[in-house]
Amino acid sequence: MTQTSENVTWLTQEAYNQLKAELEYLSGPARTEISAKIAAAREEGDLRENGGYHAAKEEQGKMELRVRQLTQLLEHAKVGEAPSTEGVVAPGMVVTIAFDGDEDDTLTFLLASREYASSDIDTYSPQSPLGGGVNGKKVGEDAGYELPNGKMASVKILDVKPYQG
């Protein structure tokens, strides 16, 4: 579970441990494995037409990006429970909205970073248009956000409750 307030990311101990373990694996054994793949592919000869070499280099780039993301996330993380935001939309909350005030056309989702996406519930990032539009709003308030086509849409906040995982 993640909750972000300003530049602090709140993580449960379990989430922190999971992300820290992933970072340690990517920084150690995974780096060694990818270096070995690159070296083996390099020995095959001409690098211009060596698909294995290019695939390994691309995999290495993606892995290094993830290492930087995790390092930055964990650098600013605080372990524990974020301050209570009862009735206010914030990361880590399950939000139910009605589109254009139509209480028959609703959506319930978790407002959280992509690391916490689950098959149990739709997850929207606080940086997404909808997530940014509802973040900080209270139950009963209207929120606006920009659609991909540039038009504005509005939703009404019907319910906000902490995610129980």
C-alpha atoms as a PDB file:
ATOM      1  CA  MET A   1       0.000   0.000   0.000  1.00  0.00           C
ATOM      2  CA  THR A   2       1.359   3.391  -0.951  1.00  0.00           C
ATOM      3  CA  GLN A   3       0.186   6.820   0.033  1.00  0.00           C
ATOM      4  CA  THR A   4       1.951   9.902  -1.271  1.00  0.00           C
ATOM      5  CA  SER A   5       1.788  13.241   0.457  1.00  0.00           C
ATOM      6  CA  GLU A   6       3.939  15.904  -1.137  1.00  0.00           C
ATOM      7  CA  ASN A   7       7.323  14.260  -1.763  1.00  0.00           C
ATOM      8  CA  VAL A   8       6.905  11.471   0.798  1.00  0.00           C
ATOM      9  CA  THR A   9       5.740   8.024  -0.269  1.00  0.00           C
ATOM     10  CA  TRP A  10       4.172   6.059   2.577  1.00  0.00           C
ATOM     11  CA  LEU A  11       4.738   2.298   2.374  1.00  0.00           C
ATOM     12  CA  THR A  12       3.635  -0.531   4.595  1.00  0.00           C
ATOM     13  CA  GLN A  13       6.532  -2.567   5.988  1.00  0.00           C
ATOM     14  CA  GLU A  14       5.576  -5.435   3.665  1.00  0.00           C
ATOM     15  CA  ALA A  15       5.610  -3.207   0.563  1.00  0.00           C
ATOM     16  CA  TYR A  16       8.937  -1.640   1.593  1.00  0.00           C
ATOM     17  CA  ASN A  17      10.511  -5.078   2.115  1.00  0.00           C
ATOM     18  CA  GLN A  18       9.200  -6.315  -1.247  1.00  0.00           C
ATOM     19  CA  LEU A  19      10.550  -3.289  -3.165  1.00  0.00           C
ATOM     20  CA  LYS A  20      13.876  -3.402  -1.287  1.00  0.00           C
ATOM     21  CA  ALA A  21      14.283  -7.112  -2.155  1.00  0.00           C
ATOM     22  CA  GLU A  22      13.541  -6.379  -5.825  1.00  0.00           C
ATOM     23  CA  LEU A  23      16.146  -3.589  -5.817  1.00  0.00           C
ATOM     24  CA  GLU A  24      18.762  -5.846  -4.195  1.00  0.00           C
ATOM     25  CA  TYR A  25      18.124  -8.584  -6.771  1.00  0.00           C
ATOM     26  CA  LEU A  26      18.288  -6.178  -9.732  1.00  0.00           C
ATOM     27  CA  SER A  27      21.421  -4.496  -8.361  1.00  0.00           C
ATOM     28  CA  GLY A  28      23.252  -7.786  -7.730  1.00  0.00           C
ATOM     29  CA  PRO A  29      22.414 -11.154  -9.298  1.00  0.00           C
ATOM     30  CA  ALA A  30      20.382  -9.723 -12.184  1.00  0.00           C
ATOM     31  CA  ARG A  31      23.221  -7.373 -13.200  1.00  0.00           C
ATOM     32  CA  THR A  32      25.659 -10.297 -13.189  1.00  0.00           C
ATOM     33  CA  GLU A  33      23.292 -12.397 -15.319  1.00  0.00           C
ATOM     34  CA  ILE A  34      22.735  -9.670 -17.927  1.00  0.00           C
ATOM     35  CA  SER A  35      26.481  -8.931 -18.117  1.00  0.00           C
ATOM     36  CA  ALA A  36      27.109 -12.619 -18.818  1.00  0.00           C
ATOM     37  CA  LYS A  37      24.423 -12.620 -21.560  1.00  0.00           C
ATOM     38  CA  ILE A  38      25.983  -9.548 -23.187  1.00  0.00           C
ATOM     39  CA  ALA A  39      29.488 -11.056 -23.027  1.00  0.00           C
ATOM     40  CA  ALA A  40      28.295 -14.363 -24.534  1.00  0.00           C
ATOM     41  CA  ALA A  41      26.451 -12.565 -27.341  1.00  0.00           C
ATOM     42  CA  ARG A  42      29.489 -10.323 -28.009  1.00  0.00           C
ATOM     43  CA  GLU A  43      31.626 -13.429 -28.551  1.00  0.00           C
ATOM     44  CA  GLU A  44      29.300 -14.544 -31.357  1.00  0.00           C
ATOM     45  CA  GLY A  45      30.836 -11.989 -33.683  1.00  0.00           C
ATOM     46  CA  ASP A  46      29.434  -9.084 -35.720  1.00  0.00           C
ATOM     47  CA  LEU A  47      27.425  -6.896 -33.305  1.00  0.00           C
ATOM     48  CA  ARG A  48      25.512  -5.076 -36.054  1.00  0.00           C
ATOM     49  CA  GLU A  49      23.471  -8.172 -36.888  1.00  0.00           C
ATOM     50  CA  ASN A  50      23.565  -9.890 -33.507  1.00  0.00           C
ATOM     51  CA  GLY A  51      19.965 -10.063 -32.267  1.00  0.00           C
ATOM     52  CA  GLY A  52      20.922 -11.696 -28.971  1.00  0.00           C
ATOM     53  CA  TYR A  53      23.359  -8.884 -28.173  1.00  0.00           C
ATOM     54  CA  HIS A  54      20.838  -6.133 -28.958  1.00  0.00           C
ATOM     55  CA  ALA A  55      18.089  -7.893 -26.944  1.00  0.00           C
ATOM     56  CA  ALA A  56      20.419  -8.260 -23.950  1.00  0.00           C
ATOM     57  CA  LYS A  57      21.445  -4.580 -24.155  1.00  0.00           C
ATOM     58  CA  GLU A  58      17.769  -3.542 -24.282  1.00  0.00           C
ATOM     59  CA  GLU A  59      16.981  -5.764 -21.290  1.00  0.00           C
ATOM     60  CA  GLN A  60      19.915  -4.184 -19.449  1.00  0.00           C
ATOM     61  CA  GLY A  61      18.570  -0.682 -20.156  1.00  0.00           C
ATOM     62  CA  LYS A  62      15.103  -1.568 -18.837  1.00  0.00           C
ATOM     63  CA  MET A  63      16.612  -3.142 -15.738  1.00  0.00           C
ATOM     64  CA  GLU A  64      18.762  -0.082 -15.010  1.00  0.00           C
ATOM     65  CA  LEU A  65      15.701   2.179 -15.393  1.00  0.00           C
ATOM     66  CA  ARG A  66      13.824   0.050 -12.844  1.00  0.00           C
ATOM     67  CA  VAL A  67      16.831   0.237 -10.476  1.00  0.00           C
ATOM     68  CA  ARG A  68      16.759   4.057 -10.690  1.00  0.00           C
ATOM     69  CA  GLN A  69      12.966   4.136 -10.134  1.00  0.00           C
ATOM     70  CA  LEU A  70      13.177   1.879  -7.074  1.00  0.00           C
ATOM     71  CA  THR A  71      16.148   3.767  -5.652  1.00  0.00           C
ATOM     72  CA  GLN A  72      14.300   7.066  -5.924  1.00  0.00           C
ATOM     73  CA  LEU A  73      11.064   5.622  -4.510  1.00  0.00           C
ATOM     74  CA  LEU A  74      12.775   4.017  -1.507  1.00  0.00           C
ATOM     75  CA  GLU A  75      14.908   7.126  -0.887  1.00  0.00           C
ATOM     76  CA  HIS A  76      11.769   9.193  -0.215  1.00  0.00           C
ATOM     77  CA  ALA A  77       9.708   6.435   1.422  1.00  0.00           C
ATOM     78  CA  LYS A  78       8.441   6.399   4.980  1.00  0.00           C
ATOM     79  CA  VAL A  79       7.346   3.126   6.506  1.00  0.00           C
ATOM     80  CA  GLY A  80       4.129   3.170   8.496  1.00  0.00           C
ATOM     81  CA  GLU A  81       0.636   4.465   8.112  1.00  0.00           C
ATOM     82  CA  ALA A  82       0.079   7.820   6.466  1.00  0.00           C
ATOM     83  CA  PRO A  83      -1.881  10.447   8.346  1.00  0.00           C
ATOM     84  CA  SER A  84      -5.595   9.729   8.182  1.00  0.00           C
ATOM     85  CA  THR A  85      -7.439  11.373   5.342  1.00  0.00           C
ATOM     86  CA  GLU A  86     -10.948  10.255   6.283  1.00  0.00           C
ATOM     87  CA  GLY A  87     -13.378  11.111   3.491  1.00  0.00           C
ATOM     88  CA  VAL A  88     -10.683  12.755   1.338  1.00  0.00           C
ATOM     89  CA  VAL A  89      -9.353  11.217  -1.874  1.00  0.00           C
ATOM     90  CA  ALA A  90      -5.652  10.392  -1.515  1.00  0.00           C
ATOM     91  CA  PRO A  91      -3.272   7.696  -2.733  1.00  0.00           C
ATOM     92  CA  GLY A  92      -4.068   4.401  -1.035  1.00  0.00           C
ATOM     93  CA  MET A  93      -7.801   5.088  -0.989  1.00  0.00           C
ATOM     94  CA  VAL A  94     -10.575   3.246  -2.840  1.00  0.00           C
ATOM     95  CA  VAL A  95     -12.666   5.857  -4.619  1.00  0.00           C
ATOM     96  CA  THR A  96     -16.155   5.542  -6.074  1.00  0.00           C
ATOM     97  CA  ILE A  97     -17.140   8.203  -8.588  1.00  0.00           C
ATOM     98  CA  ALA A  98     -20.175   8.963 -10.722  1.00  0.00           C
ATOM     99  CA  PHE A  99     -19.582  10.236 -14.250  1.00  0.00           C
ATOM    100  CA  ASP A 100     -21.263  13.576 -14.977  1.00  0.00           C
ATOM    101  CA  GLY A 101     -23.321  13.239 -11.772  1.00  0.00           C
ATOM    102  CA  ASP A 102     -25.146  10.114 -13.083  1.00  0.00           C
ATOM    103  CA  GLU A 103     -25.204   7.830 -10.046  1.00  0.00           C
ATOM    104  CA  ASP A 104     -26.000   4.832 -12.273  1.00  0.00           C
ATOM    105  CA  ASP A 105     -22.731   5.303 -14.233  1.00  0.00           C
ATOM    106  CA  THR A 106     -20.109   4.707 -11.535  1.00  0.00           C
ATOM    107  CA  LEU A 107     -16.527   3.506 -11.248  1.00  0.00           C
ATOM    108  CA  THR A 108     -14.699   2.232  -8.175  1.00  0.00           C
ATOM    109  CA  PHE A 109     -10.904   2.208  -8.269  1.00  0.00           C
ATOM    110  CA  LEU A 110      -7.767   2.313  -6.137  1.00  0.00           C
ATOM    111  CA  LEU A 111      -5.760   5.531  -6.336  1.00  0.00           C
ATOM    112  CA  ALA A 112      -2.160   4.291  -6.149  1.00  0.00           C
ATOM    113  CA  SER A 113       1.089   3.991  -8.053  1.00  0.00           C
ATOM    114  CA  ARG A 114       1.400   1.271 -10.680  1.00  0.00           C
ATOM    115  CA  GLU A 115       3.488  -0.923  -8.337  1.00  0.00           C
ATOM    116  CA  TYR A 116       0.271  -1.669  -6.487  1.00  0.00           C
ATOM    117  CA  ALA A 117      -1.935  -2.484  -9.448  1.00  0.00           C
ATOM    118  CA  SER A 118      -4.032  -5.528  -8.648  1.00  0.00           C
ATOM    119  CA  SER A 119      -6.341  -7.778 -10.604  1.00  0.00           C
ATOM    120  CA  ASP A 120      -8.909  -7.323  -7.827  1.00  0.00           C
ATOM    121  CA  ILE A 121      -9.554  -3.626  -8.495  1.00  0.00           C
ATOM    122  CA  ASP A 122      -8.777  -1.079 -11.206  1.00  0.00           C
ATOM    123  CA  THR A 123      -5.834   1.131 -10.229  1.00  0.00           C
ATOM    124  CA  TYR A 124      -5.362   4.731 -11.331  1.00  0.00           C
ATOM    125  CA  SER A 125      -2.152   6.618 -10.694  1.00  0.00           C
ATOM    126  CA  PRO A 126      -2.338   9.990  -8.914  1.00  0.00           C
ATOM    127  CA  GLN A 127      -0.460  11.318 -11.987  1.00  0.00           C
ATOM    128  CA  SER A 128      -3.160  10.141 -14.416  1.00  0.00           C
ATOM    129  CA  PRO A 129      -5.728  12.716 -15.584  1.00  0.00           C
ATOM    130  CA  LEU A 130      -8.556  11.124 -13.563  1.00  0.00           C
ATOM    131  CA  GLY A 131      -6.333  10.440 -10.543  1.00  0.00           C
ATOM    132  CA  GLY A 132      -4.998  13.992 -10.516  1.00  0.00           C
ATOM    133  CA  GLY A 133      -8.513  15.395 -10.900  1.00  0.00           C
ATOM    134  CA  VAL A 134      -9.974  13.563  -7.900  1.00  0.00           C
ATOM    135  CA  ASN A 135      -6.914  13.678  -5.615  1.00  0.00           C
ATOM    136  CA  GLY A 136      -7.608  15.879  -2.588  1.00  0.00           C
ATOM    137  CA  LYS A 137     -11.376  16.085  -3.187  1.00  0.00           C
ATOM    138  CA  LYS A 138     -13.928  15.158  -0.520  1.00  0.00           C
ATOM    139  CA  VAL A 139     -17.030  12.972  -0.693  1.00  0.00           C
ATOM    140  CA  GLY A 140     -19.829  14.925  -2.391  1.00  0.00           C
ATOM    141  CA  GLU A 141     -17.481  17.227  -4.325  1.00  0.00           C
ATOM    142  CA  ASP A 142     -17.204  17.430  -8.091  1.00  0.00           C
ATOM    143  CA  ALA A 143     -13.869  16.986  -9.824  1.00  0.00           C
ATOM    144  CA  GLY A 144     -12.820  17.802 -13.365  1.00  0.00           C
ATOM    145  CA  TYR A 145     -10.122  16.270 -15.519  1.00  0.00           C
ATOM    146  CA  GLU A 146      -8.961  16.465 -19.120  1.00  0.00           C
ATOM    147  CA  LEU A 147      -9.793  13.644 -21.533  1.00  0.00           C
ATOM    148  CA  PRO A 148      -7.230  12.460 -24.114  1.00  0.00           C
ATOM    149  CA  ASN A 149      -9.122  14.408 -26.812  1.00  0.00           C
ATOM    150  CA  GLY A 150      -8.613  17.654 -24.853  1.00  0.00           C
ATOM    151  CA  LYS A 151     -12.218  17.971 -23.653  1.00  0.00           C
ATOM    152  CA  MET A 152     -13.017  18.272 -19.962  1.00  0.00           C
ATOM    153  CA  ALA A 153     -15.041  15.683 -18.034  1.00  0.00           C
ATOM    154  CA  SER A 154     -16.503  15.884 -14.571  1.00  0.00           C
ATOM    155  CA  VAL A 155     -17.171  13.292 -11.908  1.00  0.00           C
ATOM    156  CA  LYS A 156     -18.742  13.380  -8.474  1.00  0.00           C
ATOM    157  CA  ILE A 157     -16.997  11.729  -5.526  1.00  0.00           C
ATOM    158  CA  LEU A 158     -19.494   9.251  -4.003  1.00  0.00           C
ATOM    159  CA  ASP A 159     -17.322   7.316  -1.551  1.00  0.00           C
ATOM    160  CA  VAL A 160     -13.741   7.187  -0.272  1.00  0.00           C
ATOM    161  CA  LYS A 161     -12.329   4.496   1.984  1.00  0.00           C
ATOM    162  CA  PRO A 162      -8.882   3.072   2.787  1.00  0.00           C
ATOM    163  CA  TYR A 163      -7.744   0.143   0.635  1.00  0.00           C
ATOM    164  CA  GLN A 164      -7.798  -3.078   2.640  1.00  0.00           C
ATOM    165  CA  GLY A 165      -5.665  -5.102   0.187  1.00  0.00           C
END
